[in-house]
Amino acid sequence: MNQEEFDEFVKNHEYCNLLQSYNWAKVKNNWDHMYTGVYKDNVLVATGLVLIKRLPLSFCMYYLPRGPIMDYKDKELVQYYFDQLKKLAKKDHCIFIKFDPAIHVNDYDSKSYNINRYKETELYLDTFKSCKAIHHGYTTSIADTVQPRFQSNVYSYENIDETLPKHTKRLIKDADRRNVQIIHGQGEWLDEFSRLVELTESRKGVALRDKGYFKTLLGNYLNGGVIFLATCNVYKLNEDAKIKKVKLEKEIVQTCENAK
């Protein structure tokens, strides 16, 4: 299948994910890859970007980040896809296949503990287990999974500003008062963004992505790749403070001794 057909299917599917887009293989260019799909009555019903990590002794592993993309409730389709993928894997001396589809399990408030958060997953797990897949369990540590299992969301709605917590409103006013500006663009901000990432690495003692990685992302996602930066003109703040200081000093001089 061609890139347009592949991406169109992924984009319009409920399990759409960037990591299953056609060009993600170009971002992960230190892996080999292959594009897979299933047609039913000449209609594309499943796709999967398979990343291939070559291992010693001519072995390899397959990984489908946030994939494959298909109707997981269609047990026959899931079974057929993995049966065919395992046949390809056997020929390629693949020792295991790893996949982590982005199935939406549940929503719950971050301040509460929802004991029924996994109640609807058994249907999917039974299907995957019938394909001989091994579920790694409902882990909570980020180190236990390749992709994050939890995502913090704030859903937008009309008049959302009025319902924000007092602390959030105060932070917004604080940023406005300090002249914080949000700017965005693409390649023109790459150097500055990369510099800030390096500063974060140094300050936090962590290893993050380098400039080359972000350049590759922008190059492969021309319509979707955007860099956002928050800027603050400290020189203007300094000048404003000086003007305010002079004004206050004049007021002090003109104020009576007994005045508050």
Protein backbone atom coordinates (compact mmCIF):
# COMPACT_ATOMS: atom_id res chain seq x y z
CA MET A 1 0.00 0.00 0.00
CA ASN A 2 1.17 3.58 -0.56
CA GLN A 3 1.81 6.21 2.10
CA GLU A 4 -1.36 8.16 1.38
CA GLU A 5 -3.61 5.12 1.83
CA PHE A 6 -1.74 4.03 4.96
CA ASP A 7 -1.85 7.44 6.66
CA GLU A 8 -5.45 8.10 5.64
CA PHE A 9 -6.54 4.88 7.36
CA VAL A 10 -4.56 5.65 10.52
CA LYS A 11 -5.71 9.28 10.65
CA ASN A 12 -9.39 8.39 10.47
CA HIS A 13 -9.29 5.48 12.93
CA GLU A 14 -10.32 5.79 16.58
CA TYR A 15 -6.89 4.42 17.59
CA CYS A 16 -5.03 6.97 15.48
CA ASN A 17 -1.54 7.58 16.82
CA LEU A 18 1.52 9.47 15.58
CA LEU A 19 3.72 6.46 16.33
CA GLN A 20 1.78 4.44 13.78
CA SER A 21 2.04 7.02 10.99
CA TYR A 22 3.99 6.16 7.86
CA ASN A 23 6.82 8.63 8.51
CA TRP A 24 7.49 7.47 12.06
CA ALA A 25 9.77 4.85 10.50
CA LYS A 26 11.93 7.73 9.19
CA VAL A 27 12.14 9.22 12.68
CA LYS A 28 13.18 5.84 14.12
CA ASN A 29 15.82 5.48 11.44
CA ASN A 30 18.10 3.42 13.69
CA TRP A 31 15.56 0.57 13.32
CA ASP A 32 14.55 -1.37 10.23
CA HIS A 33 10.83 -1.39 9.48
CA MET A 34 8.01 -2.79 7.41
CA TYR A 35 4.47 -1.65 6.68
CA THR A 36 1.72 -4.20 7.15
CA GLY A 37 -1.98 -4.20 6.40
CA VAL A 38 -5.07 -6.35 5.99
CA TYR A 39 -7.67 -5.96 3.24
CA LYS A 40 -11.18 -7.34 3.46
CA ASP A 41 -13.23 -7.26 0.24
CA ASN A 42 -10.62 -4.85 -1.18
CA VAL A 43 -11.09 -2.48 1.76
CA LEU A 44 -8.21 -1.73 4.13
CA VAL A 45 -9.26 -2.81 7.64
CA ALA A 46 -5.95 -2.91 9.55
CA THR A 47 -2.48 -1.39 9.40
CA GLY A 48 0.66 -1.78 11.41
CA LEU A 49 4.04 -0.05 11.29
CA VAL A 50 6.47 -2.69 12.51
CA LEU A 51 9.84 -1.47 13.78
CA ILE A 52 12.57 -4.10 13.59
CA LYS A 53 15.56 -4.12 15.93
CA ARG A 54 18.41 -6.27 14.69
CA LEU A 55 20.05 -8.41 17.38
CA PRO A 56 23.24 -10.50 17.51
CA LEU A 57 23.42 -13.88 15.72
CA SER A 58 20.99 -12.75 12.97
CA PHE A 59 18.04 -12.53 15.38
CA CYS A 60 15.68 -9.57 15.70
CA MET A 61 12.66 -8.27 17.59
CA TYR A 62 9.48 -6.65 16.24
CA TYR A 63 7.84 -3.68 17.92
CA LEU A 64 4.56 -1.99 16.96
CA PRO A 65 4.49 1.28 18.95
CA ARG A 66 0.86 2.06 19.80
CA GLY A 67 -0.24 -0.42 17.20
CA PRO A 68 -1.43 -2.18 15.21
CA ILE A 69 -4.39 -0.03 14.15
CA MET A 70 -7.58 -2.07 13.85
CA ASP A 71 -10.91 -2.90 15.47
CA TYR A 72 -9.74 -4.91 18.47
CA LYS A 73 -13.27 -6.13 19.09
CA ASP A 74 -13.07 -8.02 15.80
CA LYS A 75 -11.49 -11.16 17.22
CA GLU A 76 -11.20 -12.84 13.82
CA LEU A 77 -9.33 -9.84 12.36
CA VAL A 78 -6.94 -9.61 15.31
CA GLN A 79 -6.23 -13.34 15.13
CA TYR A 80 -5.63 -13.23 11.38
CA TYR A 81 -3.28 -10.22 11.60
CA PHE A 82 -1.06 -11.75 14.25
CA ASP A 83 -1.07 -15.18 12.62
CA GLN A 84 0.28 -13.60 9.43
CA LEU A 85 2.74 -11.39 11.30
CA LYS A 86 4.12 -14.39 13.19
CA LYS A 87 4.72 -16.17 9.87
CA LEU A 88 6.80 -13.22 8.69
CA ALA A 89 8.57 -13.06 12.04
CA LYS A 90 9.54 -16.73 11.86
CA LYS A 91 11.20 -16.23 8.46
CA ASP A 92 13.02 -13.17 9.84
CA HIS A 93 14.37 -15.05 12.92
CA CYS A 94 12.34 -12.73 15.18
CA ILE A 95 12.46 -13.94 18.78
CA PHE A 96 9.50 -11.89 20.05
CA ILE A 97 6.89 -9.33 19.00
CA LYS A 98 6.00 -6.43 21.28
CA PHE A 99 2.95 -4.21 20.88
CA ASP A 100 1.12 -1.67 23.06
CA PRO A 101 -2.09 -0.41 21.42
CA ALA A 102 -3.46 2.86 22.79
CA ILE A 103 -6.77 1.44 23.98
CA HIS A 104 -8.66 4.00 26.04
CA VAL A 105 -9.55 2.21 29.24
CA ASN A 106 -11.11 4.77 31.53
CA ASP A 107 -11.26 8.36 32.76
CA TYR A 108 -11.14 9.31 36.41
CA ASP A 109 -10.34 12.38 38.46
CA SER A 110 -6.69 12.63 39.46
CA LYS A 111 -7.66 13.18 43.11
CA SER A 112 -9.69 9.97 43.33
CA TYR A 113 -8.90 6.29 43.04
CA ASN A 114 -11.22 4.53 40.62
CA ILE A 115 -11.36 0.84 41.53
CA ASN A 116 -13.26 0.03 38.32
CA ARG A 117 -10.70 1.59 36.02
CA TYR A 118 -9.97 -1.73 34.24
CA LYS A 119 -13.48 -3.15 34.08
CA GLU A 120 -13.83 -2.96 30.28
CA THR A 121 -10.44 -4.38 29.29
CA GLU A 122 -11.12 -8.11 29.74
CA LEU A 123 -12.69 -8.32 26.28
CA TYR A 124 -9.48 -7.05 24.65
CA LEU A 125 -7.21 -9.11 26.89
CA ASP A 126 -9.06 -12.32 26.08
CA THR A 127 -8.65 -11.60 22.36
CA PHE A 128 -4.93 -10.85 22.67
CA LYS A 129 -4.33 -13.89 24.88
CA SER A 130 -5.99 -16.08 22.27
CA CYS A 131 -3.19 -14.88 19.96
CA LYS A 132 -0.68 -16.17 22.56
CA ALA A 133 0.15 -12.65 23.74
CA ILE A 134 1.37 -12.11 27.30
CA HIS A 135 -0.08 -9.17 29.22
CA HIS A 136 2.47 -7.44 31.44
CA GLY A 137 -0.15 -6.36 33.96
CA TYR A 138 -1.50 -3.02 35.15
CA THR A 139 1.82 -1.52 36.12
CA THR A 140 1.99 2.01 37.53
CA SER A 141 5.71 2.83 37.21
CA ILE A 142 6.75 4.59 34.00
CA ALA A 143 9.91 2.45 33.95
CA ASP A 144 7.78 -0.69 33.46
CA THR A 145 6.52 0.29 30.01
CA VAL A 146 7.95 1.63 26.74
CA GLN A 147 5.06 4.07 26.24
CA PRO A 148 3.27 5.88 29.09
CA ARG A 149 0.06 4.26 30.33
CA PHE A 150 -1.40 7.34 31.97
CA GLN A 151 -2.19 10.65 30.34
CA SER A 152 -3.23 13.82 32.12
CA ASN A 153 -5.95 15.69 30.23
CA VAL A 154 -7.92 18.87 30.63
CA TYR A 155 -10.88 18.87 28.27
CA SER A 156 -11.78 22.22 26.76
CA TYR A 157 -15.29 23.58 26.94
CA GLU A 158 -17.08 26.92 26.74
CA ASN A 159 -16.14 29.49 29.42
CA ILE A 160 -13.37 27.21 30.75
CA ASP A 161 -11.52 30.29 32.08
CA GLU A 162 -14.29 30.93 34.59
CA THR A 163 -14.07 27.43 36.11
CA LEU A 164 -10.29 27.22 36.51
CA PRO A 165 -8.97 26.79 40.07
CA LYS A 166 -7.94 29.98 41.89
CA HIS A 167 -4.30 28.86 41.89
CA THR A 168 -4.33 28.44 38.09
CA LYS A 169 -5.96 31.84 37.58
CA ARG A 170 -3.32 33.43 39.79
CA LEU A 171 -0.51 31.81 37.78
CA ILE A 172 -2.04 33.10 34.52
CA LYS A 173 -2.27 36.65 35.90
CA ASP A 174 1.30 36.28 37.15
CA ALA A 175 2.51 35.34 33.67
CA ASP A 176 0.58 38.23 32.09
CA ARG A 177 2.04 40.67 34.60
CA ARG A 178 5.55 39.46 33.80
CA ASN A 179 4.95 39.92 30.07
CA VAL A 180 5.29 36.21 29.25
CA GLN A 181 4.62 35.70 25.55
CA ILE A 182 3.91 32.39 23.77
CA ILE A 183 5.57 32.14 20.36
CA HIS A 184 5.52 29.26 17.89
CA GLY A 185 7.10 28.28 14.64
CA GLN A 186 9.15 25.53 13.05
CA GLY A 187 12.80 25.35 11.96
CA GLU A 188 13.50 28.98 12.82
CA TRP A 189 13.20 28.16 16.55
CA LEU A 190 15.07 24.84 16.44
CA ASP A 191 18.41 26.19 17.72
CA GLU A 192 16.82 28.04 20.63
CA PHE A 193 14.60 25.09 21.55
CA SER A 194 17.57 22.69 21.46
CA ARG A 195 19.60 25.07 23.64
CA LEU A 196 16.85 25.06 26.26
CA VAL A 197 16.64 21.27 26.14
CA GLU A 198 20.40 21.09 26.81
CA LEU A 199 20.01 23.45 29.77
CA THR A 200 17.25 21.21 31.14
CA GLU A 201 19.52 18.16 30.77
CA SER A 202 22.27 19.92 32.71
CA ARG A 203 19.94 21.24 35.42
CA LYS A 204 18.04 17.99 35.96
CA GLY A 205 20.87 15.54 35.28
CA VAL A 206 18.86 13.65 32.64
CA ALA A 207 19.40 12.66 29.01
CA LEU A 208 16.88 14.07 26.53
CA ARG A 209 16.59 14.19 22.73
CA ASP A 210 19.20 16.09 20.73
CA LYS A 211 18.82 18.72 18.01
CA GLY A 212 19.08 16.12 15.24
CA TYR A 213 16.04 14.27 16.56
CA PHE A 214 13.85 17.37 16.62
CA LYS A 215 15.09 18.37 13.15
CA THR A 216 14.06 14.94 11.86
CA LEU A 217 10.60 15.32 13.43
CA LEU A 218 10.06 18.73 11.84
CA GLY A 219 11.34 17.50 8.49
CA ASN A 220 8.99 14.52 8.40
CA TYR A 221 5.89 16.26 9.74
CA LEU A 222 5.86 19.55 7.85
CA ASN A 223 2.18 20.24 8.50
CA GLY A 224 2.06 19.06 12.10
CA GLY A 225 5.47 19.82 13.57
CA VAL A 226 5.39 22.99 15.70
CA ILE A 227 7.77 24.37 18.31
CA PHE A 228 6.20 26.37 21.15
CA LEU A 229 8.28 28.63 23.37
CA ALA A 230 7.45 30.92 26.27
CA THR A 231 9.50 34.12 26.26
CA CYS A 232 9.92 36.93 28.75
CA ASN A 233 11.59 40.26 27.89
CA VAL A 234 13.57 40.84 31.08
CA TYR A 235 15.10 44.03 29.67
CA LYS A 236 11.66 45.58 29.26
CA LEU A 237 10.69 44.41 32.76
CA ASN A 238 13.83 46.07 34.08
CA GLU A 239 13.02 49.35 32.31
CA ASP A 240 9.41 49.25 33.56
CA ALA A 241 10.68 48.67 37.11
CA LYS A 242 13.04 51.66 36.86
CA ILE A 243 10.21 53.93 35.66
CA LYS A 244 7.97 52.69 38.46
CA LYS A 245 10.77 53.27 41.00
CA VAL A 246 11.24 56.91 39.88
CA LYS A 247 7.50 57.48 40.04
CA LEU A 248 7.26 56.03 43.56
CA GLU A 249 10.23 58.09 44.77
CA LYS A 250 8.51 61.28 43.54
CA GLU A 251 5.32 60.28 45.32
CA ILE A 252 7.25 59.64 48.53
CA VAL A 253 8.84 63.09 48.38
CA GLN A 254 5.42 64.70 47.90
CA THR A 255 3.78 62.69 50.69
CA CYS A 256 3.24 64.16 54.18
CA GLU A 257 5.08 62.57 57.08
CA ASN A 258 1.90 61.45 58.81
CA ALA A 259 0.34 59.95 55.68
CA LYS A 260 -0.06 56.18 55.44
